[in-house]
């Protein structure tokens, strides 16, 4: 599956259980290897952010947690909460 990073911007990020995590703001990549490392997500107001890594007002979700990306980005919350 090929997706342009710009097509992912402002997509809603959801857990596999249907809970809204937030909205994708950016993606962190390793410029040497090209590996995608983290999603930078503006958290939903209802999200308890205590279990997530943070960068300022954003939560970081490991790219390994991403299960699919179409109309929204689906993540495995167990992998996202590190």
Protein backbone atom coordinates (compact mmCIF):
# COMPACT_ATOMS: atom_id res chain seq x y z
CA UNK A 1 0.00 0.00 0.00
CA UNK A 2 1.43 3.37 -1.02
CA UNK A 3 0.22 6.59 0.61
CA UNK A 4 1.60 10.09 0.38
CA UNK A 5 2.37 11.54 3.79
CA UNK A 6 0.44 14.70 2.94
CA UNK A 7 -2.69 12.58 2.38
CA UNK A 8 -2.47 11.48 6.03
CA UNK A 9 -2.31 15.00 7.47
CA UNK A 10 -5.34 15.94 9.58
CA UNK A 11 -6.69 12.37 9.55
CA UNK A 12 -8.40 11.14 12.67
CA UNK A 13 -6.43 8.57 14.68
CA UNK A 14 -8.52 5.86 16.34
CA UNK A 15 -7.89 2.81 18.48
CA UNK A 16 -9.05 -0.59 17.24
CA UNK A 17 -11.80 -0.41 19.85
CA UNK A 18 -13.22 2.70 18.16
CA UNK A 19 -11.98 5.26 20.67
CA UNK A 20 -10.83 8.55 19.19
CA UNK A 21 -7.21 9.29 20.04
CA UNK A 22 -6.88 12.55 18.13
CA UNK A 23 -5.86 14.11 14.82
CA UNK A 24 -2.55 13.47 13.04
CA UNK A 25 -0.41 16.60 12.92
CA UNK A 26 2.93 15.27 11.68
CA UNK A 27 5.09 12.18 11.20
CA UNK A 28 8.61 11.70 12.58
CA UNK A 29 10.99 9.83 10.27
CA UNK A 30 14.63 8.76 10.43
CA UNK A 31 16.20 10.70 7.56
CA UNK A 32 19.14 8.29 7.31
CA UNK A 33 17.08 5.11 6.92
CA UNK A 34 13.73 6.50 5.76
CA UNK A 35 11.97 4.58 8.54
CA UNK A 36 8.79 6.13 9.90
CA UNK A 37 9.14 6.33 13.68
CA UNK A 38 6.22 8.14 15.28
CA UNK A 39 2.90 9.79 14.60
CA UNK A 40 2.54 13.22 16.21
CA UNK A 41 -1.10 13.45 17.28
CA UNK A 42 -3.14 16.33 18.69
CA UNK A 43 -5.05 14.42 21.36
CA UNK A 44 -8.83 14.44 21.56
CA UNK A 45 -10.12 16.38 24.59
CA UNK A 46 -11.56 13.16 26.04
CA UNK A 47 -8.28 11.18 25.77
CA UNK A 48 -6.43 10.31 28.98
CA UNK A 49 -2.87 11.08 27.82
CA UNK A 50 -1.10 9.67 30.91
CA UNK A 51 -0.22 6.39 29.16
CA UNK A 52 1.24 8.03 26.04
CA UNK A 53 4.65 9.48 25.30
CA UNK A 54 4.33 13.24 24.91
CA UNK A 55 5.99 16.06 23.02
CA UNK A 56 4.57 19.32 24.33
CA UNK A 57 0.80 19.30 23.76
CA UNK A 58 1.00 16.31 21.41
CA UNK A 59 1.11 12.55 21.99
CA UNK A 60 3.59 10.35 20.13
CA UNK A 61 2.42 7.02 18.79
CA UNK A 62 4.95 4.52 17.47
CA UNK A 63 4.48 3.85 13.77
CA UNK A 64 4.60 0.14 14.68
CA UNK A 65 1.15 0.60 16.26
CA UNK A 66 -0.46 1.58 12.92
CA UNK A 67 -2.75 -1.16 11.60
CA UNK A 68 -4.40 0.65 8.66
CA UNK A 69 -4.74 4.08 7.10
CA UNK A 70 -7.69 4.90 4.88
CA UNK A 71 -10.48 7.27 5.91
CA UNK A 72 -8.84 7.36 9.35
CA UNK A 73 -5.70 5.90 10.91
CA UNK A 74 -6.35 2.78 13.00
CA UNK A 75 -3.80 1.95 15.70
CA UNK A 76 -3.34 -0.87 18.21
CA UNK A 77 -3.78 0.97 21.53
CA UNK A 78 -1.67 -1.58 23.40
CA UNK A 79 1.29 -0.71 21.17
CA UNK A 80 0.43 3.00 21.15
CA UNK A 81 0.42 3.30 24.94
CA UNK A 82 4.14 3.03 25.64
